[in-house]
Structure formats: C-alpha cells, structure tokens
C-alpha cells in the first residue's frame, strides 16, 4: 500500500535532520520502501511517498526521527486507481 508521509521539521532542527540523514541514511526497516520526496522551499515540511504491506514498520522508522520531526502518515491510492474505483462503483449502481 502507498502512504504519503508529511514530515514537519521541528523548529530550528532542519539542519539536524539533514546531518543525520547524511550520516545514517534514511534508517528504513526492511519492508518500508521510500519512493520519492519533495521539500517545501521554506524547509518546513517534507512530503514522502512510501510503500509497505506492514504499516507498523512506520513506528520503527519514526522512532529514529521523532526527536527532530513530527510525522503524519496518510494511506493514499494513485489517481488512476481512484478513477477505476469510481468507475467500478458507478457501473455497479446502473
């Protein structure tokens, strides 16, 4: 399943986040896969698209970063999958 992870950097900690990432990498547990990320130009938040079949792996990963970052983990589907679900539901109603 896909997840959009919104990381909000704690005040004045963005440099610490980047330093830890440089030294330790993403520190993802096996089975939690990073796909892509985008960062606001203000360095306030990072948006990461991730994938896993075990959402509990997020807790293991977050525990390594929660001193620097607040996390929101949101299950998402692709626009294509959403369109297909809506299309299927519409056809069932007819």
C-alpha atoms as a PDB file:
ATOM      1  CA  UNK A   1       0.000   0.000   0.000  1.00  0.00           C
ATOM      2  CA  UNK A   2       1.104   3.561  -0.665  1.00  0.00           C
ATOM      3  CA  UNK A   3       1.440   6.220   2.025  1.00  0.00           C
ATOM      4  CA  UNK A   4       2.070   9.955   1.891  1.00  0.00           C
ATOM      5  CA  UNK A   5       4.222  10.872   4.846  1.00  0.00           C
ATOM      6  CA  UNK A   6       4.205  14.529   5.803  1.00  0.00           C
ATOM      7  CA  UNK A   7       7.220  15.393   7.888  1.00  0.00           C
ATOM      8  CA  UNK A   8       7.091  18.713   9.707  1.00  0.00           C
ATOM      9  CA  UNK A   9      10.547  19.690  10.862  1.00  0.00           C
ATOM     10  CA  UNK A  10      10.663  20.811  14.478  1.00  0.00           C
ATOM     11  CA  UNK A  11      11.673  24.425  14.963  1.00  0.00           C
ATOM     12  CA  UNK A  12      15.318  25.076  14.111  1.00  0.00           C
ATOM     13  CA  UNK A  13      16.036  21.367  13.543  1.00  0.00           C
ATOM     14  CA  UNK A  14      16.138  21.094   9.735  1.00  0.00           C
ATOM     15  CA  UNK A  15      19.955  21.118   9.656  1.00  0.00           C
ATOM     16  CA  UNK A  16      19.982  18.345  12.250  1.00  0.00           C
ATOM     17  CA  UNK A  17      17.632  16.305  10.050  1.00  0.00           C
ATOM     18  CA  UNK A  18      19.883  16.651   7.020  1.00  0.00           C
ATOM     19  CA  UNK A  19      23.021  15.922   9.063  1.00  0.00           C
ATOM     20  CA  UNK A  20      21.510  12.733  10.496  1.00  0.00           C
ATOM     21  CA  UNK A  21      20.342  11.640   7.046  1.00  0.00           C
ATOM     22  CA  UNK A  22      23.839  12.258   5.674  1.00  0.00           C
ATOM     23  CA  UNK A  23      25.448  10.256   8.481  1.00  0.00           C
ATOM     24  CA  UNK A  24      22.906   7.454   8.899  1.00  0.00           C
ATOM     25  CA  UNK A  25      20.805   7.360   5.746  1.00  0.00           C
ATOM     26  CA  UNK A  26      17.021   7.035   5.921  1.00  0.00           C
ATOM     27  CA  UNK A  27      17.218   4.220   8.505  1.00  0.00           C
ATOM     28  CA  UNK A  28      14.209   2.438   6.990  1.00  0.00           C
ATOM     29  CA  UNK A  29      13.356  -1.009   8.303  1.00  0.00           C
ATOM     30  CA  UNK A  30      13.233  -3.797   5.739  1.00  0.00           C
ATOM     31  CA  UNK A  31       9.817  -3.768   4.079  1.00  0.00           C
ATOM     32  CA  UNK A  32       9.284   0.002   4.307  1.00  0.00           C
ATOM     33  CA  UNK A  33      10.184   1.414   0.907  1.00  0.00           C
ATOM     34  CA  UNK A  34      10.946   5.005   0.005  1.00  0.00           C
ATOM     35  CA  UNK A  35       9.663   6.023  -3.440  1.00  0.00           C
ATOM     36  CA  UNK A  36      10.118   9.804  -3.792  1.00  0.00           C
ATOM     37  CA  UNK A  37      10.081  13.008  -1.765  1.00  0.00           C
ATOM     38  CA  UNK A  38       9.557  16.727  -2.131  1.00  0.00           C
ATOM     39  CA  UNK A  39      10.553  19.517   0.254  1.00  0.00           C
ATOM     40  CA  UNK A  40       8.895  22.898   0.671  1.00  0.00           C
ATOM     41  CA  UNK A  41      11.248  25.727  -0.351  1.00  0.00           C
ATOM     42  CA  UNK A  42      10.922  27.091   3.203  1.00  0.00           C
ATOM     43  CA  UNK A  43      12.335  23.798   4.593  1.00  0.00           C
ATOM     44  CA  UNK A  44       9.303  23.497   6.855  1.00  0.00           C
ATOM     45  CA  UNK A  45       7.912  20.203   5.567  1.00  0.00           C
ATOM     46  CA  UNK A  46       8.898  17.218   3.501  1.00  0.00           C
ATOM     47  CA  UNK A  47       6.388  15.060   1.626  1.00  0.00           C
ATOM     48  CA  UNK A  48       7.466  11.460   1.120  1.00  0.00           C
ATOM     49  CA  UNK A  49       5.728   8.797  -0.907  1.00  0.00           C
ATOM     50  CA  UNK A  50       6.385   5.420   0.680  1.00  0.00           C
ATOM     51  CA  UNK A  51       5.166   1.863   0.276  1.00  0.00           C
ATOM     52  CA  UNK A  52       4.718  -1.062   2.645  1.00  0.00           C
ATOM     53  CA  UNK A  53       2.474  -4.018   3.300  1.00  0.00           C
ATOM     54  CA  UNK A  54       3.066  -3.597   7.053  1.00  0.00           C
ATOM     55  CA  UNK A  55       2.061  -0.171   8.355  1.00  0.00           C
ATOM     56  CA  UNK A  56       3.551  -0.996  11.769  1.00  0.00           C
ATOM     57  CA  UNK A  57       7.005  -0.554  10.238  1.00  0.00           C
ATOM     58  CA  UNK A  58       6.361   3.189  10.310  1.00  0.00           C
ATOM     59  CA  UNK A  59       6.596   3.165  14.112  1.00  0.00           C
ATOM     60  CA  UNK A  60      10.062   1.611  13.991  1.00  0.00           C
ATOM     61  CA  UNK A  61      11.216   4.219  11.464  1.00  0.00           C
ATOM     62  CA  UNK A  62       9.532   7.193  13.156  1.00  0.00           C
ATOM     63  CA  UNK A  63      11.141   6.301  16.491  1.00  0.00           C
ATOM     64  CA  UNK A  64      14.527   7.114  14.953  1.00  0.00           C
ATOM     65  CA  UNK A  65      13.445  10.599  13.846  1.00  0.00           C
ATOM     66  CA  UNK A  66      10.726  11.816  16.204  1.00  0.00           C
ATOM     67  CA  UNK A  67      13.134  13.983  18.189  1.00  0.00           C
ATOM     68  CA  UNK A  68      13.584  16.120  15.057  1.00  0.00           C
ATOM     69  CA  UNK A  69      10.384  15.661  13.057  1.00  0.00           C
ATOM     70  CA  UNK A  70       6.620  15.398  13.561  1.00  0.00           C
ATOM     71  CA  UNK A  71       5.021  12.788  11.272  1.00  0.00           C
ATOM     72  CA  UNK A  72       1.629  12.413   9.620  1.00  0.00           C
ATOM     73  CA  UNK A  73       1.233   9.089   7.792  1.00  0.00           C
ATOM     74  CA  UNK A  74      -1.671   9.006   5.334  1.00  0.00           C
ATOM     75  CA  UNK A  75      -2.731   5.988   3.241  1.00  0.00           C
ATOM     76  CA  UNK A  76      -3.167   7.008  -0.408  1.00  0.00           C
ATOM     77  CA  UNK A  77      -4.010   5.479  -3.768  1.00  0.00           C
ATOM     78  CA  UNK A  78      -2.981   6.674  -7.194  1.00  0.00           C
ATOM     79  CA  UNK A  79      -5.312   8.886  -9.220  1.00  0.00           C
ATOM     80  CA  UNK A  80      -5.600   6.052 -11.728  1.00  0.00           C
ATOM     81  CA  UNK A  81      -6.724   3.620  -9.017  1.00  0.00           C
ATOM     82  CA  UNK A  82      -9.205   6.169  -7.656  1.00  0.00           C
ATOM     83  CA  UNK A  83     -10.702   6.691 -11.115  1.00  0.00           C
ATOM     84  CA  UNK A  84     -11.053   2.933 -11.551  1.00  0.00           C
ATOM     85  CA  UNK A  85     -12.778   2.547  -8.176  1.00  0.00           C
ATOM     86  CA  UNK A  86     -15.227   5.350  -9.004  1.00  0.00           C
ATOM     87  CA  UNK A  87     -15.845   3.876 -12.448  1.00  0.00           C
ATOM     88  CA  UNK A  88     -16.487   0.413 -10.966  1.00  0.00           C
ATOM     89  CA  UNK A  89     -18.864   1.836  -8.343  1.00  0.00           C
ATOM     90  CA  UNK A  90     -20.779   3.780 -10.996  1.00  0.00           C
ATOM     91  CA  UNK A  91     -21.213   0.663 -13.122  1.00  0.00           C
ATOM     92  CA  UNK A  92     -22.464  -1.376 -10.137  1.00  0.00           C
ATOM     93  CA  UNK A  93     -25.150   1.261  -9.459  1.00  0.00           C
ATOM     94  CA  UNK A  94     -26.512   1.130 -13.005  1.00  0.00           C
END
